[in-house]
C-alpha cells in the first residue's frame, strides 16, 4: 500500500511540475510576449497541457487510486 501511495505521489508531482511550467509560460505570454511569439507559445502551452492531461488520466493513476 505504501509503495502505491509513494508512486502516486511521484506521478502527481510530475504532473504538478508540468502544470507549473505551463503557468510560467502563460504568465510570460500575458506580460512580456512579443506579438510574433504568440503562435509558438500556444503550441508550447498546448503540448504541456496535453502531457499533463494524458498523465493525469492514465490507467496507471486510476489503478493507484483504486
PDB file of N, CA and C in Angstrom:
ATOM      1  N   UNK A   1       0.816  -1.197   0.000  1.00  0.00           N
ATOM      2  CA  UNK A   1       0.000   0.000   0.000  1.00  0.00           C
ATOM      3  C   UNK A   1       0.867   1.271   0.000  1.00  0.00           C
ATOM      4  N   UNK A   2       1.894   1.299   0.855  1.00  0.00           N
ATOM      5  CA  UNK A   2       2.752   2.480   0.906  1.00  0.00           C
ATOM      6  C   UNK A   2       3.523   2.679  -0.392  1.00  0.00           C
ATOM      7  N   UNK A   3       3.882   1.578  -1.058  1.00  0.00           N
ATOM      8  CA  UNK A   3       4.562   1.697  -2.359  1.00  0.00           C
ATOM      9  C   UNK A   3       3.652   2.378  -3.372  1.00  0.00           C
ATOM     10  N   UNK A   4       2.368   2.009  -3.341  1.00  0.00           N
ATOM     11  CA  UNK A   4       1.421   2.607  -4.280  1.00  0.00           C
ATOM     12  C   UNK A   4       1.239   4.090  -3.995  1.00  0.00           C
ATOM     13  N   UNK A   5       1.145   4.439  -2.732  1.00  0.00           N
ATOM     14  CA  UNK A   5       0.989   5.846  -2.374  1.00  0.00           C
ATOM     15  C   UNK A   5       2.229   6.643  -2.773  1.00  0.00           C
ATOM     16  N   UNK A   6       3.391   6.069  -2.544  1.00  0.00           N
ATOM     17  CA  UNK A   6       4.637   6.741  -2.940  1.00  0.00           C
ATOM     18  C   UNK A   6       4.689   6.938  -4.447  1.00  0.00           C
ATOM     19  N   UNK A   7       4.316   5.908  -5.188  1.00  0.00           N
ATOM     20  CA  UNK A   7       4.309   6.005  -6.662  1.00  0.00           C
ATOM     21  C   UNK A   7       3.307   7.058  -7.119  1.00  0.00           C
ATOM     22  N   UNK A   8       2.127   7.077  -6.496  1.00  0.00           N
ATOM     23  CA  UNK A   8       1.113   8.069  -6.848  1.00  0.00           C
ATOM     24  C   UNK A   8       1.629   9.480  -6.577  1.00  0.00           C
ATOM     25  N   UNK A   9       2.289   9.683  -5.445  1.00  0.00           N
ATOM     26  CA  UNK A   9       2.841  10.997  -5.125  1.00  0.00           C
ATOM     27  C   UNK A   9       3.875  11.435  -6.149  1.00  0.00           C
ATOM     28  N   UNK A  10       4.702  10.514  -6.596  1.00  0.00           N
ATOM     29  CA  UNK A  10       5.719  10.832  -7.608  1.00  0.00           C
ATOM     30  C   UNK A  10       5.057  11.253  -8.917  1.00  0.00           C
ATOM     31  N   UNK A  11       4.062  10.485  -9.345  1.00  0.00           N
ATOM     32  CA  UNK A  11       3.368  10.800 -10.603  1.00  0.00           C
ATOM     33  C   UNK A  11       2.637  12.130 -10.513  1.00  0.00           C
ATOM     34  N   UNK A  12       1.976  12.377  -9.388  1.00  0.00           N
ATOM     35  CA  UNK A  12       1.259  13.642  -9.228  1.00  0.00           C
ATOM     36  C   UNK A  12       2.216  14.823  -9.132  1.00  0.00           C
ATOM     37  N   UNK A  13       3.391  14.610  -8.559  1.00  0.00           N
ATOM     38  CA  UNK A  13       4.400  15.669  -8.507  1.00  0.00           C
ATOM     39  C   UNK A  13       4.898  16.021  -9.908  1.00  0.00           C
ATOM     40  N   UNK A  14       5.063  15.010 -10.755  1.00  0.00           N
ATOM     41  CA  UNK A  14       5.470  15.257 -12.142  1.00  0.00           C
ATOM     42  C   UNK A  14       4.405  16.076 -12.870  1.00  0.00           C
ATOM     43  N   UNK A  15       3.157  15.717 -12.668  1.00  0.00           N
ATOM     44  CA  UNK A  15       2.056  16.453 -13.297  1.00  0.00           C
ATOM     45  C   UNK A  15       2.036  17.886 -12.791  1.00  0.00           C
ATOM     46  N   UNK A  16       2.229  18.064 -11.505  1.00  0.00           N
ATOM     47  CA  UNK A  16       2.266  19.399 -10.916  1.00  0.00           C
ATOM     48  C   UNK A  16       3.402  20.232 -11.505  1.00  0.00           C
ATOM     49  N   UNK A  17       4.561  19.626 -11.706  1.00  0.00           N
ATOM     50  CA  UNK A  17       5.698  20.329 -12.304  1.00  0.00           C
ATOM     51  C   UNK A  17       5.375  20.780 -13.730  1.00  0.00           C
ATOM     52  N   UNK A  18       4.729  19.925 -14.489  1.00  0.00           N
ATOM     53  CA  UNK A  18       4.355  20.271 -15.865  1.00  0.00           C
ATOM     54  C   UNK A  18       3.362  21.429 -15.859  1.00  0.00           C
ATOM     55  N   UNK A  19       2.390  21.369 -14.959  1.00  0.00           N
ATOM     56  CA  UNK A  19       1.405  22.447 -14.870  1.00  0.00           C
ATOM     57  C   UNK A  19       2.052  23.754 -14.407  1.00  0.00           C
ATOM     58  N   UNK A  20       3.032  23.664 -13.530  1.00  0.00           N
ATOM     59  CA  UNK A  20       3.744  24.865 -13.083  1.00  0.00           C
ATOM     60  C   UNK A  20       4.526  25.495 -14.235  1.00  0.00           C
ATOM     61  N   UNK A  21       5.153  24.656 -15.054  1.00  0.00           N
ATOM     62  CA  UNK A  21       5.883  25.175 -16.216  1.00  0.00           C
ATOM     63  C   UNK A  21       4.916  25.859 -17.181  1.00  0.00           C
ATOM     64  N   UNK A  22       3.749  25.277 -17.374  1.00  0.00           N
ATOM     65  CA  UNK A  22       2.740  25.890 -18.235  1.00  0.00           C
ATOM     66  C   UNK A  22       2.287  27.230 -17.660  1.00  0.00           C
ATOM     67  N   UNK A  23       2.181  27.316 -16.352  1.00  0.00           N
ATOM     68  CA  UNK A  23       1.779  28.577 -15.714  1.00  0.00           C
ATOM     69  C   UNK A  23       2.807  29.673 -15.944  1.00  0.00           C
ATOM     70  N   UNK A  24       4.076  29.315 -15.911  1.00  0.00           N
ATOM     71  CA  UNK A  24       5.134  30.295 -16.185  1.00  0.00           C
ATOM     72  C   UNK A  24       5.025  30.794 -17.627  1.00  0.00           C
ATOM     73  N   UNK A  25       4.783  29.882 -18.552  1.00  0.00           N
ATOM     74  CA  UNK A  25       4.627  30.284 -19.954  1.00  0.00           C
ATOM     75  C   UNK A  25       3.396  31.169 -20.136  1.00  0.00           C
ATOM     76  N   UNK A  26       2.318  30.857 -19.444  1.00  0.00           N
ATOM     77  CA  UNK A  26       1.110  31.683 -19.533  1.00  0.00           C
ATOM     78  C   UNK A  26       1.372  33.078 -18.971  1.00  0.00           C
ATOM     79  N   UNK A  27       2.075  33.151 -17.839  1.00  0.00           N
ATOM     80  CA  UNK A  27       2.406  34.440 -17.251  1.00  0.00           C
ATOM     81  C   UNK A  27       3.259  35.257 -18.215  1.00  0.00           C
ATOM     82  N   UNK A  28       4.267  34.613 -18.794  1.00  0.00           N
ATOM     83  CA  UNK A  28       5.138  35.292 -19.742  1.00  0.00           C
ATOM     84  C   UNK A  28       4.342  35.783 -20.951  1.00  0.00           C
ATOM     85  N   UNK A  29       3.422  34.957 -21.395  1.00  0.00           N
ATOM     86  CA  UNK A  29       2.599  35.332 -22.553  1.00  0.00           C
ATOM     87  C   UNK A  29       1.784  36.592 -22.247  1.00  0.00           C
ATOM     88  N   UNK A  30       1.288  36.695 -21.045  1.00  0.00           N
ATOM     89  CA  UNK A  30       0.443  37.833 -20.678  1.00  0.00           C
ATOM     90  C   UNK A  30       1.234  39.088 -20.336  1.00  0.00           C
ATOM     91  N   UNK A  31       2.520  38.940 -20.011  1.00  0.00           N
ATOM     92  CA  UNK A  31       3.273  40.108 -19.549  1.00  0.00           C
ATOM     93  C   UNK A  31       4.379  40.570 -20.493  1.00  0.00           C
ATOM     94  N   UNK A  32       5.102  39.639 -21.118  1.00  0.00           N
ATOM     95  CA  UNK A  32       6.277  40.032 -21.911  1.00  0.00           C
ATOM     96  C   UNK A  32       6.291  39.507 -23.341  1.00  0.00           C
ATOM     97  N   UNK A  33       5.309  38.755 -23.736  1.00  0.00           N
ATOM     98  CA  UNK A  33       5.332  38.069 -25.029  1.00  0.00           C
ATOM     99  C   UNK A  33       5.340  39.059 -26.192  1.00  0.00           C
ATOM    100  N   UNK A  34       6.380  38.999 -27.030  1.00  0.00           N
ATOM    101  CA  UNK A  34       6.338  39.806 -28.249  1.00  0.00           C
ATOM    102  C   UNK A  34       5.243  39.255 -29.165  1.00  0.00           C
ATOM    103  N   UNK A  35       4.639  40.123 -29.939  1.00  0.00           N
ATOM    104  CA  UNK A  35       3.495  39.711 -30.757  1.00  0.00           C
ATOM    105  C   UNK A  35       3.832  38.565 -31.705  1.00  0.00           C
ATOM    106  N   UNK A  36       5.055  38.456 -32.160  1.00  0.00           N
ATOM    107  CA  UNK A  36       5.434  37.389 -33.079  1.00  0.00           C
ATOM    108  C   UNK A  36       5.555  36.018 -32.429  1.00  0.00           C
ATOM    109  N   UNK A  37       5.535  35.957 -31.100  1.00  0.00           N
ATOM    110  CA  UNK A  37       5.729  34.681 -30.419  1.00  0.00           C
ATOM    111  C   UNK A  37       4.448  33.985 -29.995  1.00  0.00           C
ATOM    112  N   UNK A  38       3.307  34.573 -30.292  1.00  0.00           N
ATOM    113  CA  UNK A  38       2.040  34.048 -29.798  1.00  0.00           C
ATOM    114  C   UNK A  38       1.747  32.648 -30.345  1.00  0.00           C
ATOM    115  N   UNK A  39       1.945  32.431 -31.616  1.00  0.00           N
ATOM    116  CA  UNK A  39       1.628  31.128 -32.211  1.00  0.00           C
ATOM    117  C   UNK A  39       2.472  30.025 -31.576  1.00  0.00           C
ATOM    118  N   UNK A  40       3.765  30.250 -31.499  1.00  0.00           N
ATOM    119  CA  UNK A  40       4.665  29.230 -30.928  1.00  0.00           C
ATOM    120  C   UNK A  40       4.358  28.989 -29.456  1.00  0.00           C
ATOM    121  N   UNK A  41       4.059  30.044 -28.714  1.00  0.00           N
ATOM    122  CA  UNK A  41       3.742  29.878 -27.302  1.00  0.00           C
ATOM    123  C   UNK A  41       2.450  29.077 -27.134  1.00  0.00           C
ATOM    124  N   UNK A  42       1.507  29.296 -28.004  1.00  0.00           N
ATOM    125  CA  UNK A  42       0.283  28.499 -27.969  1.00  0.00           C
ATOM    126  C   UNK A  42       0.566  27.028 -28.177  1.00  0.00           C
ATOM    127  N   UNK A  43       1.477  26.717 -29.097  1.00  0.00           N
ATOM    128  CA  UNK A  43       1.872  25.321 -29.324  1.00  0.00           C
ATOM    129  C   UNK A  43       2.531  24.741 -28.074  1.00  0.00           C
ATOM    130  N   UNK A  44       3.410  25.499 -27.461  1.00  0.00           N
ATOM    131  CA  UNK A  44       4.102  25.029 -26.259  1.00  0.00           C
ATOM    132  C   UNK A  44       3.117  24.753 -25.128  1.00  0.00           C
ATOM    133  N   UNK A  45       2.208  25.683 -24.906  1.00  0.00           N
ATOM    134  CA  UNK A  45       1.216  25.503 -23.851  1.00  0.00           C
ATOM    135  C   UNK A  45       0.323  24.302 -24.132  1.00  0.00           C
ATOM    136  N   UNK A  46      -0.086  24.155 -25.377  1.00  0.00           N
ATOM    137  CA  UNK A  46      -0.912  23.010 -25.750  1.00  0.00           C
ATOM    138  C   UNK A  46      -0.197  21.695 -25.505  1.00  0.00           C
ATOM    139  N   UNK A  47       1.081  21.648 -25.829  1.00  0.00           N
ATOM    140  CA  UNK A  47       1.863  20.431 -25.609  1.00  0.00           C
ATOM    141  C   UNK A  47       1.950  20.099 -24.126  1.00  0.00           C
ATOM    142  N   UNK A  48       2.288  21.086 -23.309  1.00  0.00           N
ATOM    143  CA  UNK A  48       2.400  20.840 -21.865  1.00  0.00           C
ATOM    144  C   UNK A  48       1.062  20.434 -21.257  1.00  0.00           C
ATOM    145  N   UNK A  49       0.002  21.101 -21.659  1.00  0.00           N
ATOM    146  CA  UNK A  49      -1.319  20.765 -21.131  1.00  0.00           C
ATOM    147  C   UNK A  49      -1.749  19.371 -21.566  1.00  0.00           C
ATOM    148  N   UNK A  50      -1.422  18.996 -22.783  1.00  0.00           N
ATOM    149  CA  UNK A  50      -1.740  17.657 -23.272  1.00  0.00           C
ATOM    150  C   UNK A  50      -0.975  16.592 -22.481  1.00  0.00           C
ATOM    151  N   UNK A  51       0.302  16.840 -22.236  1.00  0.00           N
ATOM    152  CA  UNK A  51       1.111  15.885 -21.462  1.00  0.00           C
ATOM    153  C   UNK A  51       0.540  15.737 -20.051  1.00  0.00           C
ATOM    154  N   UNK A  52       0.238  16.859 -19.399  1.00  0.00           N
ATOM    155  CA  UNK A  52      -0.304  16.807 -18.036  1.00  0.00           C
ATOM    156  C   UNK A  52      -1.636  16.057 -18.014  1.00  0.00           C
ATOM    157  N   UNK A  53      -2.493  16.339 -18.968  1.00  0.00           N
ATOM    158  CA  UNK A  53      -3.801  15.668 -19.024  1.00  0.00           C
ATOM    159  C   UNK A  53      -3.643  14.169 -19.263  1.00  0.00           C
ATOM    160  N   UNK A  54      -2.781  13.811 -20.195  1.00  0.00           N
ATOM    161  CA  UNK A  54      -2.559  12.400 -20.512  1.00  0.00           C
ATOM    162  C   UNK A  54      -2.029  11.648 -19.298  1.00  0.00           C
ATOM    163  N   UNK A  55      -1.081  12.259 -18.594  1.00  0.00           N
ATOM    164  CA  UNK A  55      -0.533  11.612 -17.400  1.00  0.00           C
ATOM    165  C   UNK A  55      -1.597  11.484 -16.310  1.00  0.00           C
ATOM    166  N   UNK A  56      -2.389  12.539 -16.107  1.00  0.00           N
ATOM    167  CA  UNK A  56      -3.365  12.540 -15.023  1.00  0.00           C
ATOM    168  C   UNK A  56      -4.508  11.554 -15.271  1.00  0.00           C
ATOM    169  N   UNK A  57      -4.855  11.361 -16.527  1.00  0.00           N
ATOM    170  CA  UNK A  57      -5.969  10.462 -16.851  1.00  0.00           C
ATOM    171  C   UNK A  57      -5.498   9.073 -17.273  1.00  0.00           C
ATOM    172  N   UNK A  58      -4.239   8.764 -17.035  1.00  0.00           N
ATOM    173  CA  UNK A  58      -3.698   7.478 -17.442  1.00  0.00           C
ATOM    174  C   UNK A  58      -4.274   6.332 -16.602  1.00  0.00           C
ATOM    175  N   UNK A  59      -4.329   5.132 -17.175  1.00  0.00           N
ATOM    176  CA  UNK A  59      -4.796   3.976 -16.409  1.00  0.00           C
ATOM    177  C   UNK A  59      -3.942   3.726 -15.161  1.00  0.00           C
ATOM    178  N   UNK A  60      -2.668   4.043 -15.224  1.00  0.00           N
ATOM    179  CA  UNK A  60      -1.780   3.834 -14.080  1.00  0.00           C
ATOM    180  C   UNK A  60      -2.223   4.649 -12.871  1.00  0.00           C
ATOM    181  N   UNK A  61      -2.603   5.900 -13.093  1.00  0.00           N
ATOM    182  CA  UNK A  61      -3.093   6.740 -11.994  1.00  0.00           C
ATOM    183  C   UNK A  61      -4.387   6.135 -11.443  1.00  0.00           C
ATOM    184  N   UNK A  62      -5.257   5.714 -12.339  1.00  0.00           N
ATOM    185  CA  UNK A  62      -6.515   5.108 -11.903  1.00  0.00           C
ATOM    186  C   UNK A  62      -6.308   3.896 -11.045  1.00  0.00           C
ATOM    187  N   UNK A  63      -5.377   3.045 -11.444  1.00  0.00           N
ATOM    188  CA  UNK A  63      -5.095   1.829 -10.656  1.00  0.00           C
ATOM    189  C   UNK A  63      -4.537   2.184  -9.289  1.00  0.00           C
ATOM    190  N   UNK A  64      -3.669   3.191  -9.240  1.00  0.00           N
ATOM    191  CA  UNK A  64      -3.103   3.597  -7.962  1.00  0.00           C
ATOM    192  C   UNK A  64      -4.173   4.203  -7.042  1.00  0.00           C
ATOM    193  N   UNK A  65      -5.143   4.873  -7.624  1.00  0.00           N
ATOM    194  CA  UNK A  65      -6.220   5.446  -6.827  1.00  0.00           C
ATOM    195  C   UNK A  65      -7.186   4.391  -6.313  1.00  0.00           C
ATOM    196  N   UNK A  66      -7.308   3.294  -7.058  1.00  0.00           N
ATOM    197  CA  UNK A  66      -8.187   2.209  -6.607  1.00  0.00           C
ATOM    198  C   UNK A  66      -7.604   1.615  -5.368  1.00  0.00           C
TER     199      UNK A  66
END
